PDB file of N, CA and C in Angstrom:
ATOM      1  N   MET A   1       5.958 -13.009  -2.889  1.00  0.00           N
ATOM      2  CA  MET A   1       6.045 -11.591  -2.579  1.00  0.00           C
ATOM      3  C   MET A   1       4.913 -11.244  -1.612  1.00  0.00           C
ATOM      4  N   ASN A   2       5.237 -10.473  -0.584  1.00  0.00           N
ATOM      5  CA  ASN A   2       4.205 -10.167   0.402  1.00  0.00           C
ATOM      6  C   ASN A   2       3.312  -9.012  -0.064  1.00  0.00           C
ATOM      7  N   VAL A   3       2.209  -8.859   0.613  1.00  0.00           N
ATOM      8  CA  VAL A   3       1.189  -7.874   0.243  1.00  0.00           C
ATOM      9  C   VAL A   3       1.754  -6.457   0.253  1.00  0.00           C
ATOM     10  N   GLN A   4       2.500  -6.122   1.271  1.00  0.00           N
ATOM     11  CA  GLN A   4       3.045  -4.766   1.377  1.00  0.00           C
ATOM     12  C   GLN A   4       3.965  -4.458   0.198  1.00  0.00           C
ATOM     13  N   LYS A   5       4.802  -5.404  -0.177  1.00  0.00           N
ATOM     14  CA  LYS A   5       5.708  -5.212  -1.312  1.00  0.00           C
ATOM     15  C   LYS A   5       4.917  -5.049  -2.604  1.00  0.00           C
ATOM     16  N   LYS A   6       3.832  -5.796  -2.750  1.00  0.00           N
ATOM     17  CA  LYS A   6       2.994  -5.674  -3.940  1.00  0.00           C
ATOM     18  C   LYS A   6       2.369  -4.289  -4.026  1.00  0.00           C
ATOM     19  N   VAL A   7       1.902  -3.772  -2.888  1.00  0.00           N
ATOM     20  CA  VAL A   7       1.329  -2.428  -2.857  1.00  0.00           C
ATOM     21  C   VAL A   7       2.402  -1.409  -3.225  1.00  0.00           C
ATOM     22  N   ALA A   8       3.577  -1.536  -2.639  1.00  0.00           N
ATOM     23  CA  ALA A   8       4.677  -0.605  -2.913  1.00  0.00           C
ATOM     24  C   ALA A   8       5.079  -0.655  -4.388  1.00  0.00           C
ATOM     25  N   ASP A   9       5.165  -1.832  -4.945  1.00  0.00           N
ATOM     26  CA  ASP A   9       5.515  -1.978  -6.358  1.00  0.00           C
ATOM     27  C   ASP A   9       4.441  -1.367  -7.248  1.00  0.00           C
ATOM     28  N   TYR A  10       3.185  -1.581  -6.901  1.00  0.00           N
ATOM     29  CA  TYR A  10       2.089  -1.008  -7.683  1.00  0.00           C
ATOM     30  C   TYR A  10       2.182   0.517  -7.696  1.00  0.00           C
ATOM     31  N   VAL A  11       2.394   1.103  -6.536  1.00  0.00           N
ATOM     32  CA  VAL A  11       2.504   2.560  -6.434  1.00  0.00           C
ATOM     33  C   VAL A  11       3.686   3.056  -7.263  1.00  0.00           C
ATOM     34  N   ALA A  12       4.815   2.389  -7.149  1.00  0.00           N
ATOM     35  CA  ALA A  12       6.012   2.796  -7.898  1.00  0.00           C
ATOM     36  C   ALA A  12       5.815   2.659  -9.400  1.00  0.00           C
ATOM     37  N   ASN A  13       5.216   1.562  -9.825  1.00  0.00           N
ATOM     38  CA  ASN A  13       5.058   1.290 -11.254  1.00  0.00           C
ATOM     39  C   ASN A  13       3.990   2.139 -11.922  1.00  0.00           C
ATOM     40  N   THR A  14       3.053   2.646 -11.158  1.00  0.00           N
ATOM     41  CA  THR A  14       1.994   3.470 -11.737  1.00  0.00           C
ATOM     42  C   THR A  14       2.288   4.960 -11.605  1.00  0.00           C
ATOM     43  N   GLY A  15       3.347   5.296 -10.888  1.00  0.00           N
ATOM     44  CA  GLY A  15       3.725   6.700 -10.752  1.00  0.00           C
ATOM     45  C   GLY A  15       2.839   7.500  -9.814  1.00  0.00           C
ATOM     46  N   ILE A  16       2.107   6.813  -8.970  1.00  0.00           N
ATOM     47  CA  ILE A  16       1.250   7.503  -8.005  1.00  0.00           C
ATOM     48  C   ILE A  16       2.135   8.178  -6.963  1.00  0.00           C
ATOM     49  N   ARG A  17       1.851   9.431  -6.698  1.00  0.00           N
ATOM     50  CA  ARG A  17       2.650  10.193  -5.738  1.00  0.00           C
ATOM     51  C   ARG A  17       2.234   9.872  -4.302  1.00  0.00           C
ATOM     52  N   GLN A  18       3.224   9.893  -3.422  1.00  0.00           N
ATOM     53  CA  GLN A  18       2.938   9.658  -2.012  1.00  0.00           C
ATOM     54  C   GLN A  18       1.989  10.726  -1.477  1.00  0.00           C
ATOM     55  N   SER A  19       2.088  11.949  -1.973  1.00  0.00           N
ATOM     56  CA  SER A  19       1.205  13.026  -1.511  1.00  0.00           C
ATOM     57  C   SER A  19      -0.251  12.722  -1.848  1.00  0.00           C
ATOM     58  N   PHE A  20      -0.500  12.036  -2.955  1.00  0.00           N
ATOM     59  CA  PHE A  20      -1.855  11.625  -3.318  1.00  0.00           C
ATOM     60  C   PHE A  20      -2.391  10.642  -2.275  1.00  0.00           C
ATOM     61  N   ILE A  21      -1.550   9.675  -1.896  1.00  0.00           N
ATOM     62  CA  ILE A  21      -1.958   8.670  -0.919  1.00  0.00           C
ATOM     63  C   ILE A  21      -2.181   9.311   0.442  1.00  0.00           C
ATOM     64  N   VAL A  22      -1.330  10.261   0.808  1.00  0.00           N
ATOM     65  CA  VAL A  22      -1.508  10.991   2.073  1.00  0.00           C
ATOM     66  C   VAL A  22      -2.879  11.651   2.090  1.00  0.00           C
ATOM     67  N   GLY A  23      -3.227  12.330   0.999  1.00  0.00           N
ATOM     68  CA  GLY A  23      -4.512  13.029   0.921  1.00  0.00           C
ATOM     69  C   GLY A  23      -5.702  12.095   0.990  1.00  0.00           C
ATOM     70  N   LYS A  24      -5.569  10.922   0.421  1.00  0.00           N
ATOM     71  CA  LYS A  24      -6.682   9.962   0.389  1.00  0.00           C
ATOM     72  C   LYS A  24      -6.814   9.148   1.671  1.00  0.00           C
ATOM     73  N   THR A  25      -5.691   8.909   2.364  1.00  0.00           N
ATOM     74  CA  THR A  25      -5.736   8.019   3.534  1.00  0.00           C
ATOM     75  C   THR A  25      -5.764   8.762   4.862  1.00  0.00           C
ATOM     76  N   GLY A  26      -5.207   9.971   4.882  1.00  0.00           N
ATOM     77  CA  GLY A  26      -5.093  10.697   6.144  1.00  0.00           C
ATOM     78  C   GLY A  26      -3.881  10.274   6.963  1.00  0.00           C
ATOM     79  N   LEU A  27      -3.090   9.343   6.432  1.00  0.00           N
ATOM     80  CA  LEU A  27      -1.865   8.933   7.107  1.00  0.00           C
ATOM     81  C   LEU A  27      -0.806  10.008   6.881  1.00  0.00           C
ATOM     82  N   THR A  28       0.173  10.079   7.768  1.00  0.00           N
ATOM     83  CA  THR A  28       1.211  11.099   7.643  1.00  0.00           C
ATOM     84  C   THR A  28       2.173  10.743   6.499  1.00  0.00           C
ATOM     85  N   PRO A  29       2.823  11.744   5.943  1.00  0.00           N
ATOM     86  CA  PRO A  29       3.816  11.459   4.897  1.00  0.00           C
ATOM     87  C   PRO A  29       4.911  10.508   5.374  1.00  0.00           C
ATOM     88  N   ASN A  30       5.338  10.653   6.630  1.00  0.00           N
ATOM     89  CA  ASN A  30       6.371   9.754   7.163  1.00  0.00           C
ATOM     90  C   ASN A  30       5.876   8.316   7.220  1.00  0.00           C
ATOM     91  N   ARG A  31       4.633   8.136   7.596  1.00  0.00           N
ATOM     92  CA  ARG A  31       4.061   6.784   7.688  1.00  0.00           C
ATOM     93  C   ARG A  31       3.944   6.166   6.288  1.00  0.00           C
ATOM     94  N   ILE A  32       3.462   6.939   5.333  1.00  0.00           N
ATOM     95  CA  ILE A  32       3.337   6.441   3.957  1.00  0.00           C
ATOM     96  C   ILE A  32       4.716   6.033   3.432  1.00  0.00           C
ATOM     97  N   SER A  33       5.707   6.867   3.658  1.00  0.00           N
ATOM     98  CA  SER A  33       7.069   6.574   3.211  1.00  0.00           C
ATOM     99  C   SER A  33       7.593   5.295   3.858  1.00  0.00           C
ATOM    100  N   ALA A  34       7.385   5.142   5.151  1.00  0.00           N
ATOM    101  CA  ALA A  34       7.858   3.941   5.861  1.00  0.00           C
ATOM    102  C   ALA A  34       7.201   2.682   5.308  1.00  0.00           C
ATOM    103  N   ILE A  35       5.929   2.769   4.996  1.00  0.00           N
ATOM    104  CA  ILE A  35       5.208   1.615   4.442  1.00  0.00           C
ATOM    105  C   ILE A  35       5.722   1.290   3.043  1.00  0.00           C
ATOM    106  N   LEU A  36       5.800   2.301   2.181  1.00  0.00           N
ATOM    107  CA  LEU A  36       6.177   2.060   0.793  1.00  0.00           C
ATOM    108  C   LEU A  36       7.646   1.655   0.645  1.00  0.00           C
ATOM    109  N   ASN A  37       8.471   2.029   1.611  1.00  0.00           N
ATOM    110  CA  ASN A  37       9.876   1.618   1.590  1.00  0.00           C
ATOM    111  C   ASN A  37      10.118   0.366   2.423  1.00  0.00           C
ATOM    112  N   CYS A  38       9.027  -0.229   2.911  1.00  0.00           N
ATOM    113  CA  CYS A  38       9.061  -1.464   3.701  1.00  0.00           C
ATOM    114  C   CYS A  38       9.968  -1.342   4.923  1.00  0.00           C
ATOM    115  N   LYS A  39       9.983  -0.172   5.513  1.00  0.00           N
ATOM    116  CA  LYS A  39      10.762   0.043   6.737  1.00  0.00           C
ATOM    117  C   LYS A  39       9.908  -0.202   7.977  1.00  0.00           C
ATOM    118  N   SER A  40       8.607  -0.294   7.782  1.00  0.00           N
ATOM    119  CA  SER A  40       7.670  -0.548   8.869  1.00  0.00           C
ATOM    120  C   SER A  40       6.519  -1.365   8.302  1.00  0.00           C
ATOM    121  N   LYS A  41       6.056  -2.322   9.073  1.00  0.00           N
ATOM    122  CA  LYS A  41       4.962  -3.173   8.591  1.00  0.00           C
ATOM    123  C   LYS A  41       3.654  -2.394   8.509  1.00  0.00           C
ATOM    124  N   MET A  42       2.904  -2.682   7.478  1.00  0.00           N
ATOM    125  CA  MET A  42       1.605  -2.077   7.260  1.00  0.00           C
ATOM    126  C   MET A  42       0.547  -2.875   8.018  1.00  0.00           C
ATOM    127  N   SER A  43      -0.315  -2.171   8.741  1.00  0.00           N
ATOM    128  CA  SER A  43      -1.397  -2.850   9.465  1.00  0.00           C
ATOM    129  C   SER A  43      -2.522  -3.201   8.497  1.00  0.00           C
ATOM    130  N   VAL A  44      -3.423  -4.025   8.941  1.00  0.00           N
ATOM    131  CA  VAL A  44      -4.584  -4.392   8.129  1.00  0.00           C
ATOM    132  C   VAL A  44      -5.424  -3.144   7.845  1.00  0.00           C
ATOM    133  N   ASP A  45      -5.598  -2.292   8.837  1.00  0.00           N
ATOM    134  CA  ASP A  45      -6.361  -1.057   8.638  1.00  0.00           C
ATOM    135  C   ASP A  45      -5.688  -0.162   7.596  1.00  0.00           C
ATOM    136  N   GLU A  46      -4.377  -0.073   7.656  1.00  0.00           N
ATOM    137  CA  GLU A  46      -3.649   0.739   6.677  1.00  0.00           C
ATOM    138  C   GLU A  46      -3.757   0.128   5.282  1.00  0.00           C
ATOM    139  N   PHE A  47      -3.711  -1.196   5.197  1.00  0.00           N
ATOM    140  CA  PHE A  47      -3.887  -1.875   3.913  1.00  0.00           C
ATOM    141  C   PHE A  47      -5.242  -1.522   3.316  1.00  0.00           C
ATOM    142  N   GLU A  48      -6.261  -1.526   4.141  1.00  0.00           N
ATOM    143  CA  GLU A  48      -7.600  -1.164   3.681  1.00  0.00           C
ATOM    144  C   GLU A  48      -7.626   0.279   3.170  1.00  0.00           C
ATOM    145  N   LEU A  49      -6.978   1.191   3.895  1.00  0.00           N
ATOM    146  CA  LEU A  49      -6.912   2.588   3.458  1.00  0.00           C
ATOM    147  C   LEU A  49      -6.195   2.712   2.113  1.00  0.00           C
ATOM    148  N   PHE A  50      -5.097   1.988   1.955  1.00  0.00           N
ATOM    149  CA  PHE A  50      -4.367   2.014   0.688  1.00  0.00           C
ATOM    150  C   PHE A  50      -5.244   1.507  -0.453  1.00  0.00           C
ATOM    151  N   CYS A  51      -5.947   0.409  -0.234  1.00  0.00           N
ATOM    152  CA  CYS A  51      -6.799  -0.151  -1.279  1.00  0.00           C
ATOM    153  C   CYS A  51      -7.877   0.845  -1.699  1.00  0.00           C
ATOM    154  N   LYS A  52      -8.487   1.496  -0.727  1.00  0.00           N
ATOM    155  CA  LYS A  52      -9.513   2.501  -1.043  1.00  0.00           C
ATOM    156  C   LYS A  52      -8.900   3.676  -1.794  1.00  0.00           C
ATOM    157  N   ALA A  53      -7.736   4.142  -1.344  1.00  0.00           N
ATOM    158  CA  ALA A  53      -7.072   5.274  -1.997  1.00  0.00           C
ATOM    159  C   ALA A  53      -6.681   4.941  -3.437  1.00  0.00           C
ATOM    160  N   LEU A  54      -6.262   3.706  -3.652  1.00  0.00           N
ATOM    161  CA  LEU A  54      -5.816   3.278  -4.976  1.00  0.00           C
ATOM    162  C   LEU A  54      -6.961   2.732  -5.827  1.00  0.00           C
ATOM    163  N   ASN A  55      -8.148   2.684  -5.239  1.00  0.00           N
ATOM    164  CA  ASN A  55      -9.332   2.153  -5.921  1.00  0.00           C
ATOM    165  C   ASN A  55      -9.087   0.727  -6.426  1.00  0.00           C
ATOM    166  N   LYS A  56      -8.501  -0.084  -5.543  1.00  0.00           N
ATOM    167  CA  LYS A  56      -8.187  -1.466  -5.874  1.00  0.00           C
ATOM    168  C   LYS A  56      -8.857  -2.405  -4.882  1.00  0.00           C
ATOM    169  N   ASN A  57      -9.251  -3.561  -5.366  1.00  0.00           N
ATOM    170  CA  ASN A  57      -9.800  -4.592  -4.508  1.00  0.00           C
ATOM    171  C   ASN A  57      -8.636  -5.248  -3.764  1.00  0.00           C
ATOM    172  N   PRO A  58      -8.763  -5.462  -2.459  1.00  0.00           N
ATOM    173  CA  PRO A  58      -7.667  -6.086  -1.712  1.00  0.00           C
ATOM    174  C   PRO A  58      -7.178  -7.399  -2.321  1.00  0.00           C
ATOM    175  N   SER A  59      -8.075  -8.145  -2.951  1.00  0.00           N
ATOM    176  CA  SER A  59      -7.690  -9.425  -3.533  1.00  0.00           C
ATOM    177  C   SER A  59      -6.676  -9.275  -4.673  1.00  0.00           C
ATOM    178  N   GLU A  60      -6.558  -8.072  -5.218  1.00  0.00           N
ATOM    179  CA  GLU A  60      -5.570  -7.845  -6.274  1.00  0.00           C
ATOM    180  C   GLU A  60      -4.139  -7.871  -5.746  1.00  0.00           C
ATOM    181  N   PHE A  61      -3.988  -7.696  -4.437  1.00  0.00           N
ATOM    182  CA  PHE A  61      -2.669  -7.701  -3.817  1.00  0.00           C
ATOM    183  C   PHE A  61      -2.390  -8.975  -3.016  1.00  0.00           C
ATOM    184  N   ILE A  62      -3.424  -9.799  -2.835  1.00  0.00           N
ATOM    185  CA  ILE A  62      -3.289 -11.002  -2.008  1.00  0.00           C
ATOM    186  C   ILE A  62      -3.294 -12.235  -2.882  1.00  0.00           C
ATOM    187  N   THR A  63      -2.286 -13.054  -2.696  1.00  0.00           N
ATOM    188  CA  THR A  63      -2.261 -14.351  -3.385  1.00  0.00           C
ATOM    189  C   THR A  63      -2.070 -15.437  -2.332  1.00  0.00           C
ATOM    190  N   ILE A  64      -2.741 -16.515  -2.547  1.00  0.00           N
ATOM    191  CA  ILE A  64      -2.628 -17.650  -1.629  1.00  0.00           C
ATOM    192  C   ILE A  64      -1.638 -18.634  -2.253  1.00  0.00           C
ATOM    193  N   GLU A  65      -0.574 -18.866  -1.518  1.00  0.00           N
ATOM    194  CA  GLU A  65       0.461 -19.775  -2.009  1.00  0.00           C
ATOM    195  C   GLU A  65       0.224 -21.159  -1.431  1.00  0.00           C
ATOM    196  N   GLU A  66       0.169 -22.113  -2.326  1.00  0.00           N
ATOM    197  CA  GLU A  66      -0.002 -23.494  -1.897  1.00  0.00           C
ATOM    198  C   GLU A  66       1.351 -24.090  -1.576  1.00  0.00           C
ATOM    199  N   LYS A  67       1.366 -24.982  -0.556  1.00  0.00           N
ATOM    200  CA  LYS A  67       2.622 -25.619  -0.160  1.00  0.00           C
ATOM    201  C   LYS A  67       2.658 -27.037  -0.643  1.00  0.00           C
TER     202      LYS A  67
END
Protein backbone atom coordinates (compact mmCIF):
# COMPACT_ATOMS: atom_id res chain seq x y z
CA MET A 1 0.00 0.00 0.00
CA ASN A 2 1.41 3.39 -0.91
CA VAL A 3 1.95 6.27 1.49
CA GLN A 4 -0.89 8.39 0.14
CA LYS A 5 -3.39 5.54 0.53
CA LYS A 6 -2.18 4.96 4.10
CA VAL A 7 -2.73 8.64 4.93
CA ALA A 8 -6.19 8.55 3.34
CA ASP A 9 -7.12 5.38 5.22
CA TYR A 10 -5.88 6.85 8.50
CA VAL A 11 -7.99 9.98 8.02
CA ALA A 12 -11.05 7.91 7.10
CA ASN A 13 -10.64 5.45 9.96
CA THR A 14 -10.12 8.10 12.62
CA GLY A 15 -13.00 10.28 11.49
CA ILE A 16 -10.85 13.35 11.01
CA ARG A 17 -12.71 15.94 8.97
CA GLN A 18 -11.23 17.37 5.80
CA SER A 19 -12.01 20.86 7.14
CA PHE A 20 -9.68 20.16 10.08
CA ILE A 21 -6.87 19.27 7.68
CA VAL A 22 -7.58 22.36 5.57
CA GLY A 23 -7.25 24.53 8.68
CA LYS A 24 -4.00 22.89 9.76
CA THR A 25 -2.28 22.70 6.36
CA GLY A 26 -3.49 25.78 4.51
CA LEU A 27 -4.23 23.61 1.46
CA THR A 28 -7.52 24.21 -0.34
CA PRO A 29 -10.51 21.95 0.30
CA ASN A 30 -10.35 20.79 -3.34
CA ARG A 31 -6.69 19.83 -2.97
CA ILE A 32 -7.31 17.93 0.28
CA SER A 33 -10.21 16.08 -1.35
CA ALA A 34 -8.12 15.17 -4.42
CA ILE A 35 -5.34 13.82 -2.21
CA LEU A 36 -7.59 11.84 0.12
CA ASN A 37 -9.55 10.37 -2.80
CA CYS A 38 -6.27 9.53 -4.58
CA LYS A 39 -7.31 11.52 -7.64
CA SER A 40 -4.06 13.49 -7.56
CA LYS A 41 -0.64 12.54 -6.27
CA MET A 42 0.48 14.06 -3.00
CA SER A 43 3.81 15.90 -3.07
CA VAL A 44 6.49 15.40 -0.45
CA ASP A 45 5.76 18.89 0.91
CA GLU A 46 2.06 18.06 1.18
CA PHE A 47 2.90 14.77 2.92
CA GLU A 48 4.90 16.74 5.47
CA LEU A 49 1.96 19.12 6.00
CA PHE A 50 -0.40 16.18 6.51
CA CYS A 51 1.93 14.56 9.04
CA LYS A 52 2.18 17.80 11.03
CA ALA A 53 -1.60 18.33 10.87
CA LEU A 54 -2.25 14.77 12.02
CA ASN A 55 0.53 14.91 14.62
CA LYS A 56 2.07 11.77 13.15
CA ASN A 57 5.66 10.84 12.42
CA PRO A 58 6.15 10.30 8.67
CA SER A 59 7.65 6.88 9.40
CA GLU A 60 4.21 5.73 10.58
CA PHE A 61 3.02 5.90 6.97
CA ILE A 62 6.20 4.66 5.26
CA THR A 63 7.14 1.02 5.03
CA ILE A 64 10.12 -0.36 3.21
CA GLU A 65 9.23 -3.43 1.21
CA GLU A 66 11.96 -5.94 0.64
CA LYS A 67 12.15 -7.71 -2.72
